[in-house]
């Protein structure tokens, strides 16, 4: 994943399915966006697979082990739940059952998933 030359708040992911451009939303989740940017700069996501893909729901990445249990070397983030809806293309942080457990993993919604609204931190959109 690389930052776009065009904007400080755009990321470009190269995947086996093609290029994915993500607009970062620091206005919604400044600490989460800061973490994503930091990890991108460090190359953390390079070569990391989408380890969880559920057709009609979402694709999740950000676990270096590929198990869904791993994270970065940094401490977990305090939740920044916001009013942004989990609709097609939204990028949101994955977490455990603890609200303040997001770290490096995130998912991209394939379809509307309103049951996640205000329970997961939205930080961007494809």
C-alpha atoms as a PDB file:
ATOM      1  CA  UNK A   1       0.000   0.000   0.000  1.00  0.00           C
ATOM      2  CA  UNK A   2       1.323   3.446  -0.823  1.00  0.00           C
ATOM      3  CA  UNK A   3       0.238   6.978  -0.231  1.00  0.00           C
ATOM      4  CA  UNK A   4      -0.916   8.725  -3.369  1.00  0.00           C
ATOM      5  CA  UNK A   5       1.265  11.545  -4.632  1.00  0.00           C
ATOM      6  CA  UNK A   6      -1.951  13.538  -5.149  1.00  0.00           C
ATOM      7  CA  UNK A   7      -3.134  13.784  -1.583  1.00  0.00           C
ATOM      8  CA  UNK A   8      -2.047  13.165   1.994  1.00  0.00           C
ATOM      9  CA  UNK A   9      -5.366  11.440   2.608  1.00  0.00           C
ATOM     10  CA  UNK A  10      -5.457   8.928  -0.234  1.00  0.00           C
ATOM     11  CA  UNK A  11      -4.044   5.401  -0.159  1.00  0.00           C
ATOM     12  CA  UNK A  12      -3.565   3.087  -3.106  1.00  0.00           C
ATOM     13  CA  UNK A  13      -3.623  -0.652  -2.478  1.00  0.00           C
ATOM     14  CA  UNK A  14      -2.292  -2.984  -5.140  1.00  0.00           C
ATOM     15  CA  UNK A  15      -4.178  -6.282  -4.878  1.00  0.00           C
ATOM     16  CA  UNK A  16      -4.411  -9.422  -6.969  1.00  0.00           C
ATOM     17  CA  UNK A  17      -7.795  -8.065  -8.123  1.00  0.00           C
ATOM     18  CA  UNK A  18      -6.388  -4.671  -9.126  1.00  0.00           C
ATOM     19  CA  UNK A  19      -5.875  -1.243  -7.649  1.00  0.00           C
ATOM     20  CA  UNK A  20      -7.997  -0.035  -4.724  1.00  0.00           C
ATOM     21  CA  UNK A  21      -7.978   3.679  -3.865  1.00  0.00           C
ATOM     22  CA  UNK A  22      -9.018   4.589  -0.328  1.00  0.00           C
ATOM     23  CA  UNK A  23      -9.942   8.100   0.767  1.00  0.00           C
ATOM     24  CA  UNK A  24      -8.819   8.557   4.367  1.00  0.00           C
ATOM     25  CA  UNK A  25     -11.180  10.391   6.723  1.00  0.00           C
ATOM     26  CA  UNK A  26      -9.193  11.982   9.556  1.00  0.00           C
ATOM     27  CA  UNK A  27     -12.259  14.104  10.299  1.00  0.00           C
ATOM     28  CA  UNK A  28     -14.023  10.913  11.446  1.00  0.00           C
ATOM     29  CA  UNK A  29     -11.201   9.032  13.165  1.00  0.00           C
ATOM     30  CA  UNK A  30      -7.946  11.001  13.467  1.00  0.00           C
ATOM     31  CA  UNK A  31      -6.047   8.471  15.603  1.00  0.00           C
ATOM     32  CA  UNK A  32      -7.047   5.535  13.383  1.00  0.00           C
ATOM     33  CA  UNK A  33      -6.039   7.393  10.215  1.00  0.00           C
ATOM     34  CA  UNK A  34      -2.749   8.361  11.866  1.00  0.00           C
ATOM     35  CA  UNK A  35      -2.106   4.672  12.677  1.00  0.00           C
ATOM     36  CA  UNK A  36      -2.951   3.490   9.144  1.00  0.00           C
ATOM     37  CA  UNK A  37      -0.612   6.116   7.660  1.00  0.00           C
ATOM     38  CA  UNK A  38       2.189   5.154  10.049  1.00  0.00           C
ATOM     39  CA  UNK A  39       1.855   1.455   9.214  1.00  0.00           C
ATOM     40  CA  UNK A  40       1.730   2.187   5.474  1.00  0.00           C
ATOM     41  CA  UNK A  41       4.905   4.296   5.708  1.00  0.00           C
ATOM     42  CA  UNK A  42       6.635   1.445   7.549  1.00  0.00           C
ATOM     43  CA  UNK A  43       5.586  -1.103   4.889  1.00  0.00           C
ATOM     44  CA  UNK A  44       3.562  -3.078   7.433  1.00  0.00           C
ATOM     45  CA  UNK A  45       0.825  -4.013   4.963  1.00  0.00           C
ATOM     46  CA  UNK A  46       3.177  -4.952   2.101  1.00  0.00           C
ATOM     47  CA  UNK A  47       2.440  -8.551   1.117  1.00  0.00           C
ATOM     48  CA  UNK A  48      -0.216  -9.011   3.816  1.00  0.00           C
ATOM     49  CA  UNK A  49      -3.167 -11.004   2.498  1.00  0.00           C
ATOM     50  CA  UNK A  50      -6.880 -10.453   2.927  1.00  0.00           C
ATOM     51  CA  UNK A  51      -7.234 -13.331   5.389  1.00  0.00           C
ATOM     52  CA  UNK A  52     -11.007 -13.103   5.789  1.00  0.00           C
ATOM     53  CA  UNK A  53     -13.260 -12.576   2.780  1.00  0.00           C
ATOM     54  CA  UNK A  54     -17.000 -13.089   3.109  1.00  0.00           C
ATOM     55  CA  UNK A  55     -18.904 -12.727  -0.150  1.00  0.00           C
ATOM     56  CA  UNK A  56     -21.620 -10.084   0.113  1.00  0.00           C
ATOM     57  CA  UNK A  57     -20.198  -8.744   3.392  1.00  0.00           C
ATOM     58  CA  UNK A  58     -16.539  -7.675   3.599  1.00  0.00           C
ATOM     59  CA  UNK A  59     -12.811  -8.397   3.121  1.00  0.00           C
ATOM     60  CA  UNK A  60     -10.432  -8.081   6.077  1.00  0.00           C
ATOM     61  CA  UNK A  61      -6.665  -7.582   6.128  1.00  0.00           C
ATOM     62  CA  UNK A  62      -3.902  -6.301   8.389  1.00  0.00           C
ATOM     63  CA  UNK A  63      -2.847  -9.471  10.215  1.00  0.00           C
ATOM     64  CA  UNK A  64       0.790 -10.296   9.424  1.00  0.00           C
ATOM     65  CA  UNK A  65       0.244 -13.931  10.470  1.00  0.00           C
ATOM     66  CA  UNK A  66      -2.833 -14.288   8.252  1.00  0.00           C
ATOM     67  CA  UNK A  67      -4.872 -15.745  11.119  1.00  0.00           C
ATOM     68  CA  UNK A  68      -6.885 -12.703  12.170  1.00  0.00           C
ATOM     69  CA  UNK A  69      -5.207 -12.731  15.579  1.00  0.00           C
ATOM     70  CA  UNK A  70      -2.161 -10.525  14.897  1.00  0.00           C
ATOM     71  CA  UNK A  71      -1.512  -6.836  14.998  1.00  0.00           C
ATOM     72  CA  UNK A  72       1.304  -4.316  14.907  1.00  0.00           C
ATOM     73  CA  UNK A  73       3.957  -3.567  17.512  1.00  0.00           C
ATOM     74  CA  UNK A  74       1.932  -0.551  18.646  1.00  0.00           C
ATOM     75  CA  UNK A  75      -0.665  -0.448  21.429  1.00  0.00           C
ATOM     76  CA  UNK A  76      -4.333  -0.896  20.624  1.00  0.00           C
ATOM     77  CA  UNK A  77      -6.338   2.205  19.792  1.00  0.00           C
ATOM     78  CA  UNK A  78      -9.156   3.766  21.756  1.00  0.00           C
ATOM     79  CA  UNK A  79     -12.375   3.484  19.753  1.00  0.00           C
ATOM     80  CA  UNK A  80     -13.388   6.472  17.637  1.00  0.00           C
ATOM     81  CA  UNK A  81     -16.898   5.307  16.812  1.00  0.00           C
ATOM     82  CA  UNK A  82     -18.683   7.822  14.615  1.00  0.00           C
ATOM     83  CA  UNK A  83     -21.981   8.334  12.815  1.00  0.00           C
ATOM     84  CA  UNK A  84     -20.630   7.295   9.385  1.00  0.00           C
ATOM     85  CA  UNK A  85     -22.668   4.391   7.991  1.00  0.00           C
ATOM     86  CA  UNK A  86     -21.154   1.023   7.086  1.00  0.00           C
ATOM     87  CA  UNK A  87     -22.137   1.009   3.416  1.00  0.00           C
ATOM     88  CA  UNK A  88     -20.490  -0.450   0.325  1.00  0.00           C
ATOM     89  CA  UNK A  89     -16.878   0.711   0.108  1.00  0.00           C
ATOM     90  CA  UNK A  90     -16.487   1.856   3.717  1.00  0.00           C
ATOM     91  CA  UNK A  91     -13.193   1.028   5.445  1.00  0.00           C
ATOM     92  CA  UNK A  92     -13.488   0.291   9.139  1.00  0.00           C
ATOM     93  CA  UNK A  93     -11.181  -1.102  11.809  1.00  0.00           C
ATOM     94  CA  UNK A  94     -11.511  -4.696  12.912  1.00  0.00           C
ATOM     95  CA  UNK A  95     -11.336  -5.378  16.641  1.00  0.00           C
ATOM     96  CA  UNK A  96     -11.999  -8.046  19.246  1.00  0.00           C
ATOM     97  CA  UNK A  97     -15.052  -7.954  21.495  1.00  0.00           C
ATOM     98  CA  UNK A  98     -13.372  -5.094  23.387  1.00  0.00           C
ATOM     99  CA  UNK A  99     -14.248  -1.714  21.807  1.00  0.00           C
ATOM    100  CA  UNK A 100     -10.732  -0.337  22.406  1.00  0.00           C
ATOM    101  CA  UNK A 101      -8.864  -3.224  20.746  1.00  0.00           C
ATOM    102  CA  UNK A 102      -8.382  -2.022  17.149  1.00  0.00           C
ATOM    103  CA  UNK A 103      -4.738  -2.119  16.067  1.00  0.00           C
ATOM    104  CA  UNK A 104      -3.790  -2.813  12.432  1.00  0.00           C
ATOM    105  CA  UNK A 105      -6.574  -4.912  10.959  1.00  0.00           C
ATOM    106  CA  UNK A 106      -9.314  -3.363   8.893  1.00  0.00           C
ATOM    107  CA  UNK A 107     -12.083  -4.391   6.554  1.00  0.00           C
ATOM    108  CA  UNK A 108     -13.737  -3.034   3.432  1.00  0.00           C
ATOM    109  CA  UNK A 109     -17.516  -3.475   3.213  1.00  0.00           C
ATOM    110  CA  UNK A 110     -18.835  -5.115   0.042  1.00  0.00           C
ATOM    111  CA  UNK A 111     -22.449  -4.250   0.891  1.00  0.00           C
ATOM    112  CA  UNK A 112     -24.409  -2.262   3.455  1.00  0.00           C
ATOM    113  CA  UNK A 113     -23.758  -3.549   6.995  1.00  0.00           C
ATOM    114  CA  UNK A 114     -25.763  -1.198   9.208  1.00  0.00           C
ATOM    115  CA  UNK A 115     -25.533  -3.629  12.142  1.00  0.00           C
ATOM    116  CA  UNK A 116     -21.887  -2.464  12.481  1.00  0.00           C
ATOM    117  CA  UNK A 117     -22.782   1.245  12.696  1.00  0.00           C
ATOM    118  CA  UNK A 118     -21.385   2.978  15.809  1.00  0.00           C
ATOM    119  CA  UNK A 119     -19.756  -0.312  16.902  1.00  0.00           C
ATOM    120  CA  UNK A 120     -16.667  -0.173  14.673  1.00  0.00           C
ATOM    121  CA  UNK A 121     -14.502   2.804  13.719  1.00  0.00           C
ATOM    122  CA  UNK A 122     -15.026   4.000  10.151  1.00  0.00           C
ATOM    123  CA  UNK A 123     -11.856   5.725   8.871  1.00  0.00           C
ATOM    124  CA  UNK A 124     -12.136   5.752   5.093  1.00  0.00           C
ATOM    125  CA  UNK A 125     -13.961   4.834   1.913  1.00  0.00           C
ATOM    126  CA  UNK A 126     -13.092   3.237  -1.421  1.00  0.00           C
END
